[in-house]
Amino acid sequence: MISRDVHAEFIMTLAGLGASIERFAVEIRNLQRTDVLEVEEFFAKGQKGSSAMPHKRNPIKSERLTGMARILRANAVAALENVALWHERDISHSSVERVIFPDSCILTHFMLVETTKLIKNLLVYPENMKRNMNLYGGVVFSQRVLLTLVDKGLSREDAYRIVQANAHQAWNTPGGHFQKLLEADLEVTAVLSSAEISECFNPDYQLRNLPKVYQRLDI
């Protein structure tokens, strides 16, 4: 009889694949929130969203994928329970495997098909991405500012204090603008020029290795 740790490894591999799909699906759900709306699942003409709030367009595929990933993980637990058998030959595993093997394989295939459809028809809103990056004058770029100040010779503690103070002021002040506050901060301008401050808010820096990422995906 085949040792059931082999079977368990197979089911856990499917569960791991499901978890990766779920990670993608959860990100889609977050990015489709009304206050974020950077991407959105395709919404067909006449399709209904929330039964209570007609304005909503729910990410139903992503929510479905998230739920199904939980079933795969539950099946992985059942597969692990099958590993320890009396004298390595009892048949307590058999009834379990008749359920978890076909269910896990069929479910994983369905999830892959659904994910492919989701990606192919995904709606992307670059303008909303740009808007969100520049909220409060670009507080999302605080790490880049911090590291640039450290590169200029400031201690990390001092750089953190300066950046945090300006970021919080921008965040907590109506119409607050992080970049403008930095440009008016004498501790910042003592080590960074206006051009250097502006460069900290250039999103191209975060995208500089994107071609390498695409090369890894080229199969």
N, C-alpha and C. Protein backbone atom coordinates (compact mmCIF):
# COMPACT_ATOMS: atom_id res chain seq x y z
N MET A 1 0.84 -1.20 0.00
CA MET A 1 0.00 0.00 0.00
C MET A 1 0.89 1.26 0.00
N ILE A 2 0.51 2.24 -0.78
CA ILE A 2 1.28 3.48 -0.86
C ILE A 2 1.16 4.24 0.46
N SER A 3 2.29 4.70 0.97
CA SER A 3 2.26 5.51 2.19
C SER A 3 1.46 6.78 1.94
N ARG A 4 0.59 7.10 2.86
CA ARG A 4 -0.34 8.22 2.65
C ARG A 4 0.30 9.59 2.79
N ASP A 5 1.57 9.66 3.19
CA ASP A 5 2.22 10.97 3.19
C ASP A 5 2.45 11.44 1.76
N VAL A 6 2.54 10.50 0.83
CA VAL A 6 2.66 10.86 -0.59
C VAL A 6 1.35 11.51 -1.06
N HIS A 7 0.24 10.90 -0.70
CA HIS A 7 -1.05 11.47 -1.06
C HIS A 7 -1.26 12.83 -0.39
N ALA A 8 -0.85 12.92 0.87
CA ALA A 8 -1.01 14.18 1.60
C ALA A 8 -0.22 15.30 0.93
N GLU A 9 0.98 14.98 0.46
CA GLU A 9 1.79 15.99 -0.21
C GLU A 9 1.10 16.51 -1.46
N PHE A 10 0.45 15.62 -2.20
CA PHE A 10 -0.27 16.02 -3.41
C PHE A 10 -1.42 16.97 -3.07
N ILE A 11 -2.22 16.59 -2.06
CA ILE A 11 -3.36 17.44 -1.68
C ILE A 11 -2.88 18.78 -1.13
N MET A 12 -1.77 18.76 -0.40
CA MET A 12 -1.23 20.01 0.14
C MET A 12 -0.71 20.91 -0.97
N THR A 13 -0.20 20.31 -2.04
CA THR A 13 0.24 21.11 -3.19
C THR A 13 -0.95 21.83 -3.81
N LEU A 14 -2.07 21.12 -3.94
CA LEU A 14 -3.28 21.75 -4.46
C LEU A 14 -3.76 22.86 -3.52
N ALA A 15 -3.68 22.60 -2.21
CA ALA A 15 -4.08 23.62 -1.24
C ALA A 15 -3.19 24.84 -1.33
N GLY A 16 -1.89 24.62 -1.56
CA GLY A 16 -0.96 25.74 -1.72
C GLY A 16 -1.27 26.55 -2.95
N LEU A 17 -1.62 25.86 -4.04
CA LEU A 17 -2.03 26.56 -5.26
C LEU A 17 -3.29 27.36 -5.01
N GLY A 18 -4.22 26.77 -4.28
CA GLY A 18 -5.45 27.49 -3.95
C GLY A 18 -5.18 28.71 -3.11
N ALA A 19 -4.23 28.61 -2.18
CA ALA A 19 -3.88 29.75 -1.33
C ALA A 19 -3.28 30.89 -2.16
N SER A 20 -2.49 30.54 -3.18
CA SER A 20 -1.91 31.56 -4.06
C SER A 20 -3.00 32.26 -4.86
N ILE A 21 -3.97 31.49 -5.33
CA ILE A 21 -5.10 32.08 -6.04
C ILE A 21 -5.90 32.98 -5.10
N GLU A 22 -6.08 32.51 -3.86
CA GLU A 22 -6.82 33.30 -2.88
C GLU A 22 -6.11 34.62 -2.59
N ARG A 23 -4.80 34.60 -2.50
CA ARG A 23 -4.05 35.83 -2.25
C ARG A 23 -4.33 36.86 -3.35
N PHE A 24 -4.35 36.39 -4.59
CA PHE A 24 -4.66 37.27 -5.72
C PHE A 24 -6.10 37.78 -5.62
N ALA A 25 -7.02 36.87 -5.29
CA ALA A 25 -8.44 37.23 -5.23
C ALA A 25 -8.71 38.24 -4.12
N VAL A 26 -8.07 38.07 -2.97
CA VAL A 26 -8.27 39.01 -1.86
C VAL A 26 -7.75 40.40 -2.25
N GLU A 27 -6.65 40.44 -2.98
CA GLU A 27 -6.13 41.74 -3.42
C GLU A 27 -7.11 42.42 -4.37
N ILE A 28 -7.71 41.64 -5.27
CA ILE A 28 -8.72 42.20 -6.17
C ILE A 28 -9.88 42.77 -5.37
N ARG A 29 -10.32 42.02 -4.38
CA ARG A 29 -11.45 42.48 -3.56
C ARG A 29 -11.13 43.79 -2.86
N ASN A 30 -9.93 43.90 -2.35
CA ASN A 30 -9.52 45.13 -1.67
C ASN A 30 -9.43 46.30 -2.66
N LEU A 31 -8.85 46.05 -3.81
CA LEU A 31 -8.67 47.12 -4.80
C LEU A 31 -9.99 47.53 -5.46
N GLN A 32 -11.03 46.70 -5.32
CA GLN A 32 -12.33 47.05 -5.90
C GLN A 32 -13.21 47.82 -4.92
N ARG A 33 -12.74 48.01 -3.69
CA ARG A 33 -13.53 48.79 -2.74
C ARG A 33 -13.88 50.16 -3.32
N THR A 34 -15.04 50.66 -2.98
CA THR A 34 -15.51 51.92 -3.54
C THR A 34 -14.52 53.06 -3.32
N ASP A 35 -13.88 53.09 -2.15
CA ASP A 35 -12.97 54.19 -1.83
C ASP A 35 -11.58 53.99 -2.43
N VAL A 36 -11.33 52.82 -3.04
CA VAL A 36 -10.03 52.56 -3.68
C VAL A 36 -10.22 52.50 -5.19
N LEU A 37 -10.98 51.50 -5.66
CA LEU A 37 -11.40 51.32 -7.06
C LEU A 37 -10.24 51.48 -8.05
N GLU A 38 -9.18 50.72 -7.82
CA GLU A 38 -8.06 50.72 -8.77
C GLU A 38 -8.23 49.65 -9.83
N VAL A 39 -8.88 48.57 -9.48
CA VAL A 39 -9.24 47.54 -10.45
C VAL A 39 -10.65 47.07 -10.12
N GLU A 40 -11.25 46.35 -11.06
CA GLU A 40 -12.62 45.90 -10.86
C GLU A 40 -12.90 44.68 -11.72
N GLU A 41 -13.63 43.74 -11.17
CA GLU A 41 -14.08 42.62 -11.97
C GLU A 41 -15.02 43.12 -13.06
N PHE A 42 -14.99 42.44 -14.19
CA PHE A 42 -15.91 42.79 -15.28
C PHE A 42 -17.35 42.66 -14.79
N PHE A 43 -18.15 43.65 -15.12
CA PHE A 43 -19.55 43.68 -14.68
C PHE A 43 -20.43 43.75 -15.93
N ALA A 44 -21.15 42.68 -16.20
CA ALA A 44 -21.94 42.59 -17.43
C ALA A 44 -23.18 43.47 -17.36
N LYS A 45 -23.66 43.89 -18.51
CA LYS A 45 -24.87 44.69 -18.59
C LYS A 45 -26.04 43.88 -18.03
N GLY A 46 -26.78 44.49 -17.12
CA GLY A 46 -27.92 43.82 -16.51
C GLY A 46 -27.58 42.98 -15.29
N GLN A 47 -26.28 42.83 -15.01
CA GLN A 47 -25.86 42.05 -13.83
C GLN A 47 -26.22 42.80 -12.56
N LYS A 48 -26.67 42.08 -11.54
CA LYS A 48 -27.00 42.71 -10.26
C LYS A 48 -25.85 42.58 -9.30
N GLY A 49 -25.67 43.59 -8.46
CA GLY A 49 -24.64 43.57 -7.43
C GLY A 49 -25.26 43.23 -6.09
N SER A 50 -25.10 44.13 -5.13
CA SER A 50 -25.66 43.93 -3.80
C SER A 50 -27.19 43.98 -3.86
N SER A 51 -27.84 43.03 -3.19
CA SER A 51 -29.31 43.03 -3.17
C SER A 51 -29.86 44.18 -2.35
N ALA A 52 -29.05 44.70 -1.40
CA ALA A 52 -29.51 45.78 -0.52
C ALA A 52 -29.05 47.15 -1.00
N MET A 53 -27.89 47.20 -1.67
CA MET A 53 -27.33 48.48 -2.11
C MET A 53 -27.10 48.41 -3.62
N PRO A 54 -28.03 48.90 -4.40
CA PRO A 54 -27.98 48.76 -5.86
C PRO A 54 -26.74 49.37 -6.53
N HIS A 55 -26.07 50.31 -5.84
CA HIS A 55 -24.91 50.95 -6.47
C HIS A 55 -23.69 50.03 -6.50
N LYS A 56 -23.68 48.99 -5.65
CA LYS A 56 -22.49 48.16 -5.51
C LYS A 56 -22.33 47.18 -6.67
N ARG A 57 -21.08 46.98 -7.04
CA ARG A 57 -20.74 45.95 -8.03
C ARG A 57 -19.78 44.98 -7.35
N ASN A 58 -20.32 43.92 -6.80
CA ASN A 58 -19.56 43.02 -5.95
C ASN A 58 -18.56 42.16 -6.75
N PRO A 59 -17.37 41.93 -6.20
CA PRO A 59 -16.37 41.07 -6.84
C PRO A 59 -16.71 39.59 -6.59
N ILE A 60 -17.74 39.10 -7.26
CA ILE A 60 -18.27 37.77 -6.94
C ILE A 60 -17.30 36.64 -7.26
N LYS A 61 -16.53 36.79 -8.34
CA LYS A 61 -15.57 35.73 -8.68
C LYS A 61 -14.48 35.65 -7.63
N SER A 62 -13.98 36.80 -7.22
CA SER A 62 -12.91 36.82 -6.22
C SER A 62 -13.39 36.28 -4.88
N GLU A 63 -14.61 36.64 -4.53
CA GLU A 63 -15.17 36.14 -3.27
C GLU A 63 -15.35 34.62 -3.33
N ARG A 64 -15.78 34.14 -4.50
CA ARG A 64 -15.96 32.69 -4.67
C ARG A 64 -14.63 31.96 -4.57
N LEU A 65 -13.60 32.52 -5.20
CA LEU A 65 -12.28 31.89 -5.16
C LEU A 65 -11.73 31.86 -3.73
N THR A 66 -11.97 32.92 -2.99
CA THR A 66 -11.52 32.97 -1.60
C THR A 66 -12.16 31.85 -0.78
N GLY A 67 -13.44 31.65 -0.98
CA GLY A 67 -14.14 30.61 -0.24
C GLY A 67 -13.68 29.21 -0.61
N MET A 68 -13.48 28.97 -1.91
CA MET A 68 -13.09 27.63 -2.36
C MET A 68 -11.69 27.26 -1.89
N ALA A 69 -10.83 28.24 -1.72
CA ALA A 69 -9.48 27.96 -1.21
C ALA A 69 -9.55 27.37 0.20
N ARG A 70 -10.55 27.75 0.95
CA ARG A 70 -10.72 27.21 2.30
C ARG A 70 -11.05 25.72 2.26
N ILE A 71 -11.84 25.31 1.25
CA ILE A 71 -12.17 23.90 1.11
C ILE A 71 -10.91 23.08 0.81
N LEU A 72 -10.05 23.61 -0.06
CA LEU A 72 -8.80 22.90 -0.37
C LEU A 72 -7.94 22.74 0.87
N ARG A 73 -7.87 23.78 1.69
CA ARG A 73 -7.07 23.68 2.91
C ARG A 73 -7.68 22.66 3.88
N ALA A 74 -9.01 22.63 3.95
CA ALA A 74 -9.67 21.66 4.82
C ALA A 74 -9.38 20.24 4.33
N ASN A 75 -9.37 20.04 3.03
CA ASN A 75 -9.06 18.72 2.48
C ASN A 75 -7.62 18.32 2.76
N ALA A 76 -6.73 19.31 2.81
CA ALA A 76 -5.33 19.01 3.14
C ALA A 76 -5.21 18.50 4.57
N VAL A 77 -6.01 19.06 5.46
CA VAL A 77 -6.01 18.58 6.85
C VAL A 77 -6.48 17.13 6.89
N ALA A 78 -7.54 16.83 6.12
CA ALA A 78 -8.04 15.45 6.08
C ALA A 78 -6.98 14.51 5.52
N ALA A 79 -6.23 14.97 4.51
CA ALA A 79 -5.17 14.14 3.93
C ALA A 79 -4.07 13.86 4.94
N LEU A 80 -3.74 14.83 5.76
CA LEU A 80 -2.73 14.63 6.81
C LEU A 80 -3.23 13.65 7.87
N GLU A 81 -4.52 13.70 8.16
CA GLU A 81 -5.09 12.76 9.11
C GLU A 81 -5.00 11.32 8.60
N ASN A 82 -4.90 11.16 7.29
CA ASN A 82 -4.82 9.82 6.69
C ASN A 82 -3.42 9.21 6.76
N VAL A 83 -2.44 9.98 7.14
CA VAL A 83 -1.05 9.48 7.10
C VAL A 83 -0.81 8.37 8.12
N ALA A 84 -1.28 8.57 9.32
CA ALA A 84 -1.04 7.59 10.39
C ALA A 84 -2.13 6.52 10.36
N LEU A 85 -1.75 5.29 9.99
CA LEU A 85 -2.70 4.17 9.90
C LEU A 85 -2.23 3.02 10.79
N TRP A 86 -3.19 2.30 11.34
CA TRP A 86 -2.83 1.17 12.18
C TRP A 86 -2.03 0.14 11.37
N HIS A 87 -0.86 -0.14 11.84
CA HIS A 87 0.03 -1.12 11.19
C HIS A 87 0.27 -0.76 9.72
N GLU A 88 0.01 0.53 9.37
CA GLU A 88 0.19 1.05 8.01
C GLU A 88 -0.62 0.27 6.98
N ARG A 89 -1.77 -0.26 7.41
CA ARG A 89 -2.55 -1.03 6.44
C ARG A 89 -4.05 -1.00 6.70
N ASP A 90 -4.54 -0.15 7.64
CA ASP A 90 -6.00 -0.13 7.80
C ASP A 90 -6.62 0.70 6.69
N ILE A 91 -7.94 0.64 6.57
CA ILE A 91 -8.61 1.29 5.43
C ILE A 91 -9.39 2.54 5.85
N SER A 92 -9.05 3.12 6.99
CA SER A 92 -9.78 4.31 7.42
C SER A 92 -9.57 5.49 6.48
N HIS A 93 -8.48 5.44 5.70
CA HIS A 93 -8.19 6.52 4.74
C HIS A 93 -9.10 6.47 3.53
N SER A 94 -9.60 5.28 3.21
CA SER A 94 -10.26 5.07 1.93
C SER A 94 -11.50 5.94 1.74
N SER A 95 -12.36 5.99 2.74
CA SER A 95 -13.59 6.78 2.61
C SER A 95 -13.28 8.25 2.44
N VAL A 96 -12.22 8.70 3.12
CA VAL A 96 -11.82 10.11 3.03
C VAL A 96 -11.32 10.43 1.62
N GLU A 97 -10.48 9.56 1.10
CA GLU A 97 -9.87 9.81 -0.22
C GLU A 97 -10.88 9.80 -1.35
N ARG A 98 -11.96 9.04 -1.17
CA ARG A 98 -12.99 9.02 -2.21
C ARG A 98 -13.66 10.38 -2.37
N VAL A 99 -13.56 11.19 -1.31
CA VAL A 99 -14.13 12.55 -1.35
C VAL A 99 -13.06 13.58 -1.71
N ILE A 100 -11.94 13.59 -0.98
CA ILE A 100 -11.00 14.70 -1.11
C ILE A 100 -10.22 14.67 -2.43
N PHE A 101 -9.97 13.51 -3.01
CA PHE A 101 -9.21 13.48 -4.25
C PHE A 101 -9.99 14.06 -5.43
N PRO A 102 -11.19 13.52 -5.73
CA PRO A 102 -11.93 14.12 -6.86
C PRO A 102 -12.33 15.56 -6.58
N ASP A 103 -12.76 15.84 -5.35
CA ASP A 103 -13.19 17.20 -5.03
C ASP A 103 -12.05 18.20 -5.17
N SER A 104 -10.88 17.85 -4.66
CA SER A 104 -9.74 18.78 -4.71
C SER A 104 -9.27 19.01 -6.14
N CYS A 105 -9.22 17.95 -6.92
CA CYS A 105 -8.76 18.08 -8.31
C CYS A 105 -9.74 18.90 -9.15
N ILE A 106 -11.02 18.57 -9.01
CA ILE A 106 -12.04 19.31 -9.77
C ILE A 106 -12.10 20.76 -9.34
N LEU A 107 -12.03 20.98 -8.04
CA LEU A 107 -12.10 22.34 -7.51
C LEU A 107 -10.91 23.18 -7.94
N THR A 108 -9.70 22.59 -7.91
CA THR A 108 -8.51 23.33 -8.34
C THR A 108 -8.61 23.71 -9.81
N HIS A 109 -9.07 22.77 -10.63
CA HIS A 109 -9.24 23.06 -12.06
C HIS A 109 -10.24 24.20 -12.26
N PHE A 110 -11.35 24.14 -11.55
CA PHE A 110 -12.36 25.20 -11.67
C PHE A 110 -11.80 26.55 -11.24
N MET A 111 -11.03 26.56 -10.17
CA MET A 111 -10.44 27.81 -9.68
C MET A 111 -9.46 28.39 -10.69
N LEU A 112 -8.69 27.55 -11.34
CA LEU A 112 -7.75 28.03 -12.36
C LEU A 112 -8.49 28.62 -13.55
N VAL A 113 -9.56 27.97 -13.96
CA VAL A 113 -10.37 28.49 -15.08
C VAL A 113 -10.98 29.84 -14.70
N GLU A 114 -11.55 29.92 -13.49
CA GLU A 114 -12.17 31.16 -13.04
C GLU A 114 -11.15 32.29 -12.91
N THR A 115 -9.96 31.96 -12.43
CA THR A 115 -8.90 32.97 -12.29
C THR A 115 -8.48 33.49 -13.65
N THR A 116 -8.37 32.60 -14.62
CA THR A 116 -8.00 33.00 -15.98
C THR A 116 -9.03 33.97 -16.55
N LYS A 117 -10.31 33.67 -16.38
CA LYS A 117 -11.37 34.56 -16.86
C LYS A 117 -11.32 35.91 -16.15
N LEU A 118 -11.06 35.85 -14.83
CA LEU A 118 -11.00 37.07 -14.04
C LEU A 118 -9.90 38.00 -14.54
N ILE A 119 -8.73 37.44 -14.80
CA ILE A 119 -7.59 38.25 -15.24
C ILE A 119 -7.82 38.79 -16.65
N LYS A 120 -8.34 37.94 -17.53
CA LYS A 120 -8.56 38.37 -18.92
C LYS A 120 -9.54 39.54 -19.01
N ASN A 121 -10.54 39.56 -18.14
CA ASN A 121 -11.59 40.58 -18.23
C ASN A 121 -11.47 41.67 -17.16
N LEU A 122 -10.35 41.67 -16.45
CA LEU A 122 -10.18 42.63 -15.36
C LEU A 122 -10.17 44.07 -15.87
N LEU A 123 -10.91 44.93 -15.21
CA LEU A 123 -10.94 46.35 -15.53
C LEU A 123 -9.92 47.07 -14.66
N VAL A 124 -9.05 47.86 -15.27
CA VAL A 124 -7.97 48.53 -14.56
C VAL A 124 -8.13 50.04 -14.73
N TYR A 125 -7.97 50.78 -13.62
CA TYR A 125 -8.17 52.23 -13.63
C TYR A 125 -6.90 52.96 -13.20
N PRO A 126 -5.99 53.23 -14.15
CA PRO A 126 -4.71 53.89 -13.82
C PRO A 126 -4.88 55.25 -13.16
N GLU A 127 -5.90 55.99 -13.56
CA GLU A 127 -6.10 57.33 -12.99
C GLU A 127 -6.42 57.24 -11.50
N ASN A 128 -7.17 56.22 -11.11
CA ASN A 128 -7.47 56.04 -9.70
C ASN A 128 -6.23 55.62 -8.92
N MET A 129 -5.37 54.83 -9.55
CA MET A 129 -4.10 54.46 -8.93
C MET A 129 -3.26 55.70 -8.67
N LYS A 130 -3.20 56.56 -9.67
CA LYS A 130 -2.43 57.80 -9.54
C LYS A 130 -3.03 58.69 -8.44
N ARG A 131 -4.34 58.75 -8.40
CA ARG A 131 -5.03 59.56 -7.37
C ARG A 131 -4.69 59.05 -5.97
N ASN A 132 -4.77 57.74 -5.79
CA ASN A 132 -4.51 57.16 -4.47
C ASN A 132 -3.06 57.32 -4.03
N MET A 133 -2.13 57.23 -5.00
CA MET A 133 -0.72 57.42 -4.66
C MET A 133 -0.43 58.83 -4.19
N ASN A 134 -1.21 59.77 -4.67
CA ASN A 134 -0.94 61.17 -4.36
C ASN A 134 -1.83 61.75 -3.28
N LEU A 135 -2.56 60.87 -2.57
CA LEU A 135 -3.36 61.36 -1.45
C LEU A 135 -2.47 62.02 -0.41
N TYR A 136 -2.93 63.13 0.12
CA TYR A 136 -2.19 63.89 1.13
C TYR A 136 -0.79 64.28 0.63
N GLY A 137 -0.69 64.51 -0.66
CA GLY A 137 0.60 64.94 -1.21
C GLY A 137 1.62 63.82 -1.25
N GLY A 138 1.14 62.58 -1.42
CA GLY A 138 2.07 61.48 -1.64
C GLY A 138 2.67 60.85 -0.40
N VAL A 139 1.88 60.70 0.68
CA VAL A 139 2.43 60.08 1.90
C VAL A 139 2.90 58.65 1.67
N VAL A 140 2.39 58.02 0.61
CA VAL A 140 2.78 56.64 0.31
C VAL A 140 4.27 56.54 -0.02
N PHE A 141 4.90 57.68 -0.36
CA PHE A 141 6.32 57.68 -0.71
C PHE A 141 7.23 57.95 0.50
N SER A 142 6.69 57.86 1.69
CA SER A 142 7.46 58.21 2.88
C SER A 142 8.72 57.34 3.04
N GLN A 143 8.63 56.07 2.68
CA GLN A 143 9.81 55.20 2.83
C GLN A 143 10.95 55.68 1.94
N ARG A 144 10.63 56.08 0.72
CA ARG A 144 11.67 56.56 -0.20
C ARG A 144 12.33 57.81 0.36
N VAL A 145 11.53 58.69 0.92
CA VAL A 145 12.09 59.91 1.53
C VAL A 145 12.99 59.53 2.70
N LEU A 146 12.54 58.62 3.53
CA LEU A 146 13.32 58.16 4.69
C LEU A 146 14.68 57.63 4.24
N LEU A 147 14.69 56.73 3.27
CA LEU A 147 15.94 56.11 2.84
C LEU A 147 16.86 57.11 2.15
N THR A 148 16.28 58.08 1.45
CA THR A 148 17.08 59.11 0.79
C THR A 148 17.78 59.99 1.83
N LEU A 149 17.07 60.33 2.89
CA LEU A 149 17.68 61.12 3.97
C LEU A 149 18.81 60.35 4.65
N VAL A 150 18.60 59.05 4.84
CA VAL A 150 19.64 58.22 5.44
C VAL A 150 20.86 58.17 4.52
N ASP A 151 20.63 58.04 3.22
CA ASP A 151 21.74 58.02 2.26
C ASP A 151 22.53 59.32 2.28
N LYS A 152 21.86 60.41 2.67
CA LYS A 152 22.52 61.71 2.73
C LYS A 152 23.29 61.93 4.04
N GLY A 153 23.25 60.93 4.92
CA GLY A 153 24.06 61.02 6.14
C GLY A 153 23.30 61.17 7.43
N LEU A 154 21.98 61.34 7.37
CA LEU A 154 21.21 61.44 8.61
C LEU A 154 21.11 60.06 9.26
N SER A 155 21.03 60.06 10.57
CA SER A 155 20.79 58.78 11.25
C SER A 155 19.37 58.34 10.93
N ARG A 156 19.15 57.03 10.99
CA ARG A 156 17.81 56.53 10.68
C ARG A 156 16.78 57.09 11.67
N GLU A 157 17.19 57.24 12.92
CA GLU A 157 16.27 57.76 13.94
C GLU A 157 15.85 59.19 13.61
N ASP A 158 16.81 60.03 13.25
CA ASP A 158 16.47 61.43 12.91
C ASP A 158 15.63 61.49 11.63
N ALA A 159 16.02 60.70 10.63
CA ALA A 159 15.28 60.70 9.38
C ALA A 159 13.84 60.24 9.60
N TYR A 160 13.69 59.20 10.41
CA TYR A 160 12.34 58.69 10.70
C TYR A 160 11.50 59.75 11.40
N ARG A 161 12.10 60.43 12.38
CA ARG A 161 11.38 61.47 13.11
C ARG A 161 10.90 62.57 12.18
N ILE A 162 11.76 63.01 11.29
CA ILE A 162 11.42 64.10 10.37
C ILE A 162 10.31 63.68 9.41
N VAL A 163 10.46 62.50 8.82
CA VAL A 163 9.48 62.04 7.83
C VAL A 163 8.15 61.76 8.50
N GLN A 164 8.18 61.13 9.65
CA GLN A 164 6.93 60.81 10.35
C GLN A 164 6.16 62.07 10.71
N ALA A 165 6.87 63.07 11.23
CA ALA A 165 6.21 64.32 11.63
C ALA A 165 5.52 64.99 10.45
N ASN A 166 6.20 65.05 9.32
CA ASN A 166 5.60 65.68 8.13
C ASN A 166 4.46 64.85 7.55
N ALA A 167 4.62 63.53 7.56
CA ALA A 167 3.57 62.66 7.03
C ALA A 167 2.31 62.75 7.88
N HIS A 168 2.49 62.75 9.20
CA HIS A 168 1.33 62.84 10.09
C HIS A 168 0.65 64.19 9.98
N GLN A 169 1.44 65.24 9.80
CA GLN A 169 0.84 66.57 9.63
C GLN A 169 0.01 66.63 8.35
N ALA A 170 0.55 66.03 7.28
CA ALA A 170 -0.20 66.01 6.02
C ALA A 170 -1.48 65.19 6.17
N TRP A 171 -1.36 64.08 6.89
CA TRP A 171 -2.48 63.17 7.06
C TRP A 171 -3.60 63.78 7.90
N ASN A 172 -3.22 64.55 8.92
CA ASN A 172 -4.19 65.04 9.88
C ASN A 172 -4.65 66.47 9.64
N THR A 173 -4.18 67.06 8.56
CA THR A 173 -4.55 68.44 8.25
C THR A 173 -5.39 68.47 6.98
N PRO A 174 -6.56 69.11 7.00
CA PRO A 174 -7.36 69.23 5.78
C PRO A 174 -6.54 69.87 4.66
N GLY A 175 -6.49 69.20 3.54
CA GLY A 175 -5.70 69.71 2.42
C GLY A 175 -4.21 69.52 2.62
N GLY A 176 -3.81 68.67 3.57
CA GLY A 176 -2.39 68.46 3.84
C GLY A 176 -1.64 67.91 2.64
N HIS A 177 -0.39 68.34 2.50
CA HIS A 177 0.40 67.96 1.32
C HIS A 177 1.81 67.59 1.78
N PHE A 178 2.10 66.30 1.79
CA PHE A 178 3.36 65.77 2.32
C PHE A 178 4.58 66.37 1.62
N GLN A 179 4.57 66.38 0.30
CA GLN A 179 5.74 66.87 -0.43
C GLN A 179 6.00 68.35 -0.15
N LYS A 180 4.96 69.15 -0.10
CA LYS A 180 5.14 70.58 0.17
C LYS A 180 5.65 70.82 1.58
N LEU A 181 5.20 70.01 2.51
CA LEU A 181 5.68 70.14 3.89
C LEU A 181 7.17 69.81 3.96
N LEU A 182 7.61 68.80 3.24
CA LEU A 182 9.03 68.45 3.21
C LEU A 182 9.86 69.59 2.61
N GLU A 183 9.33 70.18 1.55
CA GLU A 183 10.04 71.27 0.88
C GLU A 183 10.15 72.51 1.76
N ALA A 184 9.29 72.59 2.78
CA ALA A 184 9.32 73.73 3.71
C ALA A 184 10.04 73.39 5.01
N ASP A 185 10.48 72.16 5.16
CA ASP A 185 11.15 71.71 6.38
C ASP A 185 12.64 71.99 6.27
N LEU A 186 13.19 72.81 7.16
CA LEU A 186 14.60 73.21 7.08
C LEU A 186 15.54 72.04 7.31
N GLU A 187 15.11 71.07 8.11
CA GLU A 187 15.96 69.89 8.33
C GLU A 187 16.08 69.06 7.06
N VAL A 188 15.04 69.06 6.27
CA VAL A 188 15.05 68.31 5.01
C VAL A 188 15.84 69.07 3.95
N THR A 189 15.54 70.35 3.79
CA THR A 189 16.20 71.13 2.74
C THR A 189 17.68 71.36 3.02
N ALA A 190 18.09 71.09 4.25
CA ALA A 190 19.52 71.21 4.56
C ALA A 190 20.34 70.13 3.88
N VAL A 191 19.68 69.01 3.54
CA VAL A 191 20.42 67.89 2.93
C VAL A 191 19.87 67.48 1.57
N LEU A 192 18.65 67.90 1.24
CA LEU A 192 18.05 67.53 -0.04
C LEU A 192 17.64 68.77 -0.81
N SER A 193 17.95 68.77 -2.11
CA SER A 193 17.51 69.86 -2.98
C SER A 193 16.05 69.64 -3.35
N SER A 194 15.43 70.64 -3.95
CA SER A 194 14.04 70.52 -4.39
C SER A 194 13.89 69.39 -5.40
N ALA A 195 14.89 69.26 -6.29
CA ALA A 195 14.83 68.21 -7.31
C ALA A 195 14.94 66.83 -6.66
N GLU A 196 15.78 66.71 -5.64
CA GLU A 196 15.95 65.42 -4.96
C GLU A 196 14.69 65.03 -4.19
N ILE A 197 14.03 66.04 -3.60
CA ILE A 197 12.77 65.75 -2.92
C ILE A 197 11.73 65.29 -3.93
N SER A 198 11.66 66.00 -5.04
CA SER A 198 10.68 65.65 -6.08
C SER A 198 10.93 64.25 -6.61
N GLU A 199 12.18 63.86 -6.75
CA GLU A 199 12.52 62.53 -7.27
C GLU A 199 12.03 61.43 -6.34
N CYS A 200 11.95 61.72 -5.05
CA CYS A 200 11.44 60.72 -4.10
C CYS A 200 9.99 60.35 -4.38
N PHE A 201 9.29 61.20 -5.11
CA PHE A 201 7.88 60.97 -5.40
C PHE A 201 7.66 60.47 -6.83
N ASN A 202 8.73 60.02 -7.45
CA ASN A 202 8.65 59.48 -8.81
C ASN A 202 8.36 57.98 -8.74
N PRO A 203 7.19 57.53 -9.19
CA PRO A 203 6.85 56.10 -9.09
C PRO A 203 7.71 55.20 -9.97
N ASP A 204 8.43 55.79 -10.92
CA ASP A 204 9.28 54.98 -11.79
C ASP A 204 10.36 54.23 -11.00
N TYR A 205 10.73 54.76 -9.85
CA TYR A 205 11.75 54.11 -9.03
C TYR A 205 11.27 52.73 -8.59
N GLN A 206 10.00 52.66 -8.16
CA GLN A 206 9.45 51.37 -7.72
C GLN A 206 9.26 50.40 -8.88
N LEU A 207 9.21 50.92 -10.09
CA LEU A 207 8.96 50.07 -11.27
C LEU A 207 10.24 49.72 -12.02
N ARG A 208 11.39 50.09 -11.47
CA ARG A 208 12.63 49.96 -12.23
C ARG A 208 13.00 48.51 -12.56
N ASN A 209 12.55 47.57 -11.75
CA ASN A 209 12.88 46.16 -11.99
C ASN A 209 11.75 45.38 -12.66
N LEU A 210 10.76 46.10 -13.15
CA LEU A 210 9.61 45.44 -13.76
C LEU A 210 10.00 44.56 -14.96
N PRO A 211 10.89 45.01 -15.84
CA PRO A 211 11.28 44.14 -16.96
C PRO A 211 11.86 42.80 -16.50
N LYS A 212 12.63 42.82 -15.40
CA LYS A 212 13.20 41.58 -14.87
C LYS A 212 12.10 40.64 -14.39
N VAL A 213 11.07 41.22 -13.79
CA VAL A 213 9.95 40.41 -13.31
C VAL A 213 9.25 39.74 -14.48
N TYR A 214 9.05 40.49 -15.56
CA TYR A 214 8.41 39.92 -16.74
C TYR A 214 9.27 38.84 -17.37
N GLN A 215 10.59 39.03 -17.33
CA GLN A 215 11.49 38.02 -17.88
C GLN A 215 11.38 36.69 -17.12
N ARG A 216 11.18 36.77 -15.83
CA ARG A 216 11.01 35.54 -15.04
C ARG A 216 9.74 34.80 -15.42
N LEU A 217 8.74 35.52 -15.89
CA LEU A 217 7.47 34.91 -16.26
C LEU A 217 7.48 34.39 -17.69
N ASP A 218 8.52 34.71 -18.44
CA ASP A 218 8.60 34.32 -19.85
C ASP A 218 8.97 32.84 -19.94
N ILE A 219 7.99 32.02 -20.25
CA ILE A 219 8.23 30.58 -20.39
C ILE A 219 7.89 30.11 -21.79
